[in-house]
Amino acid sequence: MKKVAAIDIGTNSTRFMVVSQGRNGLVRVVEQGGEITRLGESLYDSGKLKPIAQTRTLKAIKQTLRKIKQQNVQAIELFATSAVREAKNGKSFANKVKKETGLPVNILSGQTEAKRAYEGITASLPYQIKNPITLDIGGGSTEIVYQDSKQKLKKVSFKLGAVRLHEMTLKDREKGRNYCKKAIQKNCSKRMFKGKNFIGAGGTLTTLSAMHQKLKVYNHKKIHNSKLTTKQIETLFHKIHYLSLAERKKIPGLPPKRADIIIAGTAILLMLLQQTGAKQIRVSDRGILYGSCLNLFKKSK
């Protein structure tokens, strides 16, 4: 049996997944987890990763590696997305991680990030869904992937994420709203989504599913492959929009450390659904980590 692991150094969180593959080719998630480290804190004002954000993220990476190594994995990949990709000192941080852990950090392009998320989402569904279009709302960017009329994979990545929008709206709510609206109008259309099945991954979507189901403890089986209608998401948005941060932290299914950015993440999702005319979205809790582990198995063949 082969076993691999991937660590996602994201804008909002540092997450990991360990996946095994038997001789029959059957793939199974052995362990997954993570914590909110907010590496992208204040990035969109300064253009740099803050020292304190680097410190807490590096600490989380080291703790995660200790946990992963207990699983006796054959391969590990550390990869970084939007925050490290955009920050002026992103490469410097990646070098620091390599120096202190002995492992290189693969800084993914937006296109590669989109492709891996698509591969992870579509491969983890319990059955083949026709004409899938995948969405991954991260902390700093959003990725959408679909097949065009010639069955060619189209990958879209744009600078709009829950942390980015949250920090923009704190400074100027109207400016943040307009930025979000323009980004979605530029990158999304009803034509893209027509006749396709919408599937989404990322913390915003899995959290909304947990909130809708009022889950006190995260449950993969209840969240993965669940569905949310646009009306249900609208209801959740109106509920959280008028609550204080302290009140939001008490909502079942909403991790307290995500309570500050959930409004921004939900606003992105809702505006995107309204722009495209989608009536519902299926939720996946696999995405880019699962896609990255599958990629490691391919490399080892």
Protein backbone atom coordinates (compact mmCIF):
# COMPACT_ATOMS: atom_id res chain seq x y z
CA MET A 1 0.00 0.00 0.00
CA LYS A 2 1.25 3.46 -0.96
CA LYS A 3 0.64 6.45 1.21
CA VAL A 4 1.18 10.14 0.36
CA ALA A 5 0.45 13.50 1.98
CA ALA A 6 -0.01 17.10 0.92
CA ILE A 7 0.07 20.34 2.91
CA ASP A 8 -1.77 23.39 1.58
CA ILE A 9 -0.26 26.67 2.78
CA GLY A 10 -3.23 28.90 2.07
CA THR A 11 -4.16 32.54 2.59
CA ASN A 12 -6.50 31.75 5.47
CA SER A 13 -5.51 28.28 6.67
CA THR A 14 -2.84 25.59 6.67
CA ARG A 15 -4.40 22.21 5.89
CA PHE A 16 -3.21 18.69 5.23
CA MET A 17 -4.41 15.38 3.87
CA VAL A 18 -2.97 11.86 3.99
CA VAL A 19 -4.20 9.45 1.30
CA SER A 20 -3.52 5.76 0.77
CA GLN A 21 -3.73 3.66 -2.40
CA GLY A 22 -4.12 -0.10 -2.30
CA ARG A 23 -2.84 -2.61 -4.82
CA ASN A 24 -6.26 -2.59 -6.46
CA GLY A 25 -5.88 1.14 -7.07
CA LEU A 26 -8.53 2.08 -4.51
CA VAL A 27 -7.79 5.48 -2.98
CA ARG A 28 -8.80 6.34 0.58
CA VAL A 29 -8.37 9.44 2.75
CA VAL A 30 -6.59 8.31 5.91
CA GLU A 31 -6.47 11.63 7.74
CA GLN A 32 -7.13 15.30 7.10
CA GLY A 33 -7.13 18.44 9.17
CA GLY A 34 -5.79 21.93 9.54
CA GLU A 35 -6.01 25.22 11.35
CA ILE A 36 -6.65 28.84 10.52
CA THR A 37 -3.28 30.59 10.37
CA ARG A 38 -4.24 33.68 8.30
CA LEU A 39 -0.94 33.96 6.41
CA GLY A 40 -2.54 36.60 4.18
CA GLU A 41 -3.33 38.94 7.09
CA SER A 42 -2.95 42.59 5.92
CA LEU A 43 -1.25 41.37 2.72
CA TYR A 44 -3.51 43.41 0.47
CA ASP A 45 -2.49 46.65 2.21
CA SER A 46 1.24 46.07 2.55
CA GLY A 47 1.95 43.66 -0.30
CA LYS A 48 3.96 41.54 2.15
CA LEU A 49 3.44 38.62 4.52
CA LYS A 50 3.55 39.87 8.11
CA PRO A 51 6.30 38.38 10.33
CA ILE A 52 3.73 37.24 12.93
CA ALA A 53 1.64 35.55 10.23
CA GLN A 54 4.74 33.78 8.91
CA THR A 55 5.66 32.60 12.41
CA ARG A 56 2.27 31.06 13.21
CA THR A 57 2.05 29.46 9.75
CA LEU A 58 5.52 27.95 10.00
CA LYS A 59 4.67 26.62 13.46
CA ALA A 60 1.53 24.98 12.04
CA ILE A 61 3.52 23.46 9.15
CA LYS A 62 6.06 21.91 11.55
CA GLN A 63 3.30 20.50 13.78
CA THR A 64 1.54 19.09 10.73
CA LEU A 65 4.74 17.45 9.45
CA ARG A 66 5.28 15.74 12.79
CA LYS A 67 1.75 14.33 12.59
CA ILE A 68 2.15 13.23 8.95
CA LYS A 69 5.47 11.48 9.52
CA GLN A 70 3.77 9.17 12.02
CA GLN A 71 1.78 7.82 9.06
CA ASN A 72 4.94 6.55 7.28
CA VAL A 73 4.11 8.26 3.99
CA GLN A 74 6.22 7.67 0.88
CA ALA A 75 5.90 11.23 -0.46
CA ILE A 76 4.98 14.68 0.88
CA GLU A 77 4.26 17.85 -1.04
CA LEU A 78 4.11 21.31 0.49
CA PHE A 79 2.40 23.79 -1.79
CA ALA A 80 1.36 27.41 -1.46
CA THR A 81 -1.34 29.39 -3.23
CA SER A 82 -2.54 32.98 -3.53
CA ALA A 83 -0.88 34.69 -0.54
CA VAL A 84 2.63 33.34 -1.16
CA ARG A 85 2.17 33.69 -4.93
CA GLU A 86 1.35 37.41 -4.65
CA ALA A 87 3.42 38.60 -1.70
CA LYS A 88 6.65 40.49 -2.39
CA ASN A 89 8.33 38.32 0.23
CA GLY A 90 6.50 35.12 -0.75
CA LYS A 91 9.59 33.39 -2.14
CA SER A 92 11.55 34.43 0.93
CA PHE A 93 8.94 32.76 3.14
CA ALA A 94 9.02 29.62 0.97
CA ASN A 95 12.81 29.51 1.36
CA LYS A 96 12.44 29.88 5.14
CA VAL A 97 10.03 26.92 5.23
CA LYS A 98 12.48 24.81 3.22
CA LYS A 99 15.38 25.79 5.48
CA GLU A 100 13.49 24.85 8.66
CA THR A 101 11.71 21.72 7.43
CA GLY A 102 14.02 20.40 4.71
CA LEU A 103 11.12 20.33 2.24
CA PRO A 104 10.65 22.68 -0.74
CA VAL A 105 7.44 24.66 -1.17
CA ASN A 106 5.78 24.44 -4.56
CA ILE A 107 4.23 27.86 -5.27
CA LEU A 108 1.31 27.04 -7.54
CA SER A 109 0.18 29.29 -10.38
CA GLY A 110 -3.52 30.17 -10.48
CA GLN A 111 -4.01 27.81 -13.42
CA THR A 112 -2.37 24.87 -11.64
CA GLU A 113 -4.34 25.62 -8.48
CA ALA A 114 -7.57 25.56 -10.51
CA LYS A 115 -6.67 22.30 -12.26
CA ARG A 116 -5.77 20.47 -9.05
CA ALA A 117 -8.97 21.61 -7.34
CA TYR A 118 -10.98 20.37 -10.34
CA GLU A 119 -9.22 16.99 -10.30
CA GLY A 120 -9.77 16.58 -6.57
CA ILE A 121 -13.43 17.59 -6.66
CA THR A 122 -14.42 15.49 -9.66
CA ALA A 123 -12.45 12.39 -8.56
CA SER A 124 -14.01 12.36 -5.08
CA LEU A 125 -17.65 12.26 -6.12
CA PRO A 126 -19.48 8.97 -5.45
CA TYR A 127 -20.62 8.75 -9.05
CA GLN A 128 -19.89 10.40 -12.37
CA ILE A 129 -21.63 13.75 -12.72
CA LYS A 130 -22.13 14.98 -16.27
CA ASN A 131 -20.84 18.41 -17.32
CA PRO A 132 -19.31 19.46 -13.98
CA ILE A 133 -18.17 23.02 -13.38
CA THR A 134 -16.08 23.40 -10.24
CA LEU A 135 -15.66 26.35 -7.92
CA ASP A 136 -13.06 26.84 -5.20
CA ILE A 137 -13.34 30.03 -3.12
CA GLY A 138 -10.13 30.50 -1.17
CA GLY A 139 -8.82 33.23 1.09
CA GLY A 140 -7.17 35.23 -1.67
CA SER A 141 -8.43 33.86 -4.98
CA THR A 142 -11.28 32.00 -6.65
CA GLU A 143 -10.86 29.23 -9.22
CA ILE A 144 -13.46 27.96 -11.69
CA VAL A 145 -12.92 25.05 -14.10
CA TYR A 146 -15.19 23.57 -16.76
CA GLN A 147 -15.13 21.86 -20.14
CA ASP A 148 -16.07 23.88 -23.21
CA SER A 149 -18.10 22.62 -26.19
CA LYS A 150 -14.96 20.92 -27.56
CA GLN A 151 -14.37 19.10 -24.24
CA LYS A 152 -11.32 21.26 -23.59
CA LEU A 153 -10.66 22.15 -19.95
CA LYS A 154 -11.06 25.88 -19.28
CA LYS A 155 -9.40 27.17 -16.11
CA VAL A 156 -10.21 30.55 -14.59
CA SER A 157 -8.40 32.02 -11.57
CA PHE A 158 -9.01 35.54 -10.32
CA LYS A 159 -8.02 37.68 -7.34
CA LEU A 160 -11.13 37.45 -5.19
CA GLY A 161 -11.21 35.54 -1.91
CA ALA A 162 -12.80 35.66 1.52
CA VAL A 163 -9.83 37.21 3.35
CA ARG A 164 -9.10 39.69 0.54
CA LEU A 165 -12.73 40.88 0.34
CA HIS A 166 -13.11 40.98 4.13
CA GLU A 167 -10.10 43.28 4.49
CA MET A 168 -11.27 45.47 1.60
CA THR A 169 -14.76 45.93 3.06
CA LEU A 170 -13.37 46.77 6.50
CA LYS A 171 -11.74 49.83 4.91
CA ASP A 172 -14.48 50.73 2.42
CA ARG A 173 -17.61 48.56 2.17
CA GLU A 174 -18.83 50.03 -1.11
CA LYS A 175 -15.42 49.74 -2.75
CA GLY A 176 -15.18 46.11 -1.67
CA ARG A 177 -18.66 45.34 -2.99
CA ASN A 178 -17.89 46.96 -6.35
CA TYR A 179 -14.58 45.09 -6.63
CA CYS A 180 -16.36 41.79 -5.97
CA LYS A 181 -19.11 42.54 -8.50
CA LYS A 182 -16.68 43.57 -11.26
CA ALA A 183 -14.39 40.55 -10.69
CA ILE A 184 -17.31 38.15 -11.00
CA GLN A 185 -18.84 39.90 -14.01
CA LYS A 186 -15.46 39.84 -15.77
CA ASN A 187 -14.77 36.16 -15.13
CA CYS A 188 -18.20 34.49 -15.01
CA SER A 189 -21.21 34.34 -17.31
CA LYS A 190 -24.48 32.43 -17.66
CA ARG A 191 -23.12 30.88 -20.86
CA MET A 192 -20.29 29.22 -18.90
CA PHE A 193 -22.74 27.58 -16.50
CA LYS A 194 -25.56 26.67 -18.89
CA GLY A 195 -26.35 22.95 -18.74
CA LYS A 196 -23.60 22.25 -16.21
CA ASN A 197 -23.63 20.80 -12.71
CA PHE A 198 -22.13 23.22 -10.20
CA ILE A 199 -19.81 21.73 -7.54
CA GLY A 200 -17.87 23.78 -5.01
CA ALA A 201 -15.07 23.27 -2.49
CA GLY A 202 -13.32 25.43 0.06
CA GLY A 203 -13.95 26.61 3.60
CA THR A 204 -16.82 28.95 2.77
CA LEU A 205 -18.91 26.20 1.16
CA THR A 206 -18.20 23.45 3.67
CA THR A 207 -18.92 25.90 6.51
CA LEU A 208 -22.22 26.99 4.97
CA SER A 209 -23.24 23.35 4.59
CA ALA A 210 -22.36 22.70 8.25
CA MET A 211 -24.30 25.82 9.30
CA HIS A 212 -27.33 24.85 7.24
CA GLN A 213 -27.32 21.40 8.85
CA LYS A 214 -26.61 22.93 12.28
CA LEU A 215 -23.68 20.56 12.85
CA LYS A 216 -21.99 21.07 16.19
CA VAL A 217 -19.10 18.81 15.08
CA TYR A 218 -17.73 18.72 11.53
CA ASN A 219 -18.93 15.57 9.77
CA HIS A 220 -17.38 14.67 6.41
CA LYS A 221 -20.14 12.22 5.50
CA LYS A 222 -22.86 14.83 6.02
CA ILE A 223 -21.02 17.65 4.27
CA HIS A 224 -19.35 15.93 1.31
CA ASN A 225 -21.77 15.69 -1.62
CA SER A 226 -24.45 17.71 0.21
CA LYS A 227 -26.39 20.36 -1.71
CA LEU A 228 -27.23 24.00 -1.03
CA THR A 229 -29.79 25.96 -3.00
CA THR A 230 -29.28 29.61 -3.81
CA LYS A 231 -32.29 30.44 -1.61
CA GLN A 232 -30.77 28.56 1.35
CA ILE A 233 -27.50 30.47 0.92
CA GLU A 234 -29.43 33.76 0.73
CA THR A 235 -31.16 32.86 4.01
CA LEU A 236 -27.84 32.09 5.69
CA PHE A 237 -26.30 35.31 4.36
CA HIS A 238 -29.12 37.48 5.72
CA LYS A 239 -28.84 35.70 9.07
CA ILE A 240 -25.11 36.28 9.53
CA HIS A 241 -25.06 39.75 7.94
CA TYR A 242 -26.93 41.35 10.83
CA LEU A 243 -25.16 39.53 13.65
CA SER A 244 -22.16 40.83 15.55
CA LEU A 245 -18.88 38.93 15.42
CA ALA A 246 -19.49 37.62 18.95
CA GLU A 247 -22.94 36.36 17.92
CA ARG A 248 -21.62 34.71 14.76
CA LYS A 249 -19.03 32.81 16.81
CA LYS A 250 -21.88 31.00 18.57
CA ILE A 251 -23.53 29.66 15.39
CA PRO A 252 -23.42 25.84 15.14
CA GLY A 253 -21.26 24.75 12.21
CA LEU A 254 -19.30 28.02 12.02
CA PRO A 255 -15.74 27.76 13.43
CA PRO A 256 -15.13 30.84 15.63
CA LYS A 257 -11.88 31.68 13.79
CA ARG A 258 -13.79 31.81 10.48
CA ALA A 259 -16.60 34.00 11.85
CA ASP A 260 -14.95 37.24 10.71
CA ILE A 261 -14.60 36.26 7.03
CA ILE A 262 -17.75 34.17 6.53
CA ILE A 263 -19.78 37.18 5.40
CA ALA A 264 -17.25 38.03 2.69
CA GLY A 265 -16.98 34.41 1.54
CA THR A 266 -20.76 34.03 1.39
CA ALA A 267 -21.12 37.32 -0.48
CA ILE A 268 -18.71 36.05 -3.18
CA LEU A 269 -20.61 32.78 -3.51
CA LEU A 270 -24.03 34.44 -3.58
CA MET A 271 -23.02 37.07 -6.14
CA LEU A 272 -21.50 34.35 -8.30
CA LEU A 273 -24.66 32.22 -8.13
CA GLN A 274 -26.83 35.22 -8.97
CA GLN A 275 -24.56 36.28 -11.84
CA THR A 276 -24.65 32.82 -13.42
CA GLY A 277 -28.28 31.98 -12.69
CA ALA A 278 -27.34 28.76 -10.84
CA LYS A 279 -30.12 27.45 -8.61
CA GLN A 280 -28.00 25.17 -6.44
CA ILE A 281 -24.47 23.96 -5.77
CA ARG A 282 -23.15 20.58 -4.65
CA VAL A 283 -20.54 20.70 -1.85
CA SER A 284 -17.21 18.83 -1.84
CA ASP A 285 -14.79 18.74 1.07
CA ARG A 286 -11.94 17.35 -1.01
CA GLY A 287 -10.69 19.80 -3.63
CA ILE A 288 -7.07 20.85 -4.05
CA LEU A 289 -5.56 18.67 -1.31
CA TYR A 290 -7.13 15.52 -2.72
CA GLY A 291 -6.12 16.56 -6.24
CA SER A 292 -2.53 17.10 -5.06
CA CYS A 293 -2.37 13.66 -3.44
CA LEU A 294 -3.68 12.07 -6.65
CA ASN A 295 -0.94 13.95 -8.51
CA LEU A 296 1.68 12.45 -6.17
CA PHE A 297 0.41 8.95 -6.94
CA LYS A 298 0.70 9.67 -10.68
CA LYS A 299 4.30 10.83 -10.24
CA SER A 300 5.25 7.69 -8.34
CA LYS A 301 4.15 5.32 -11.13
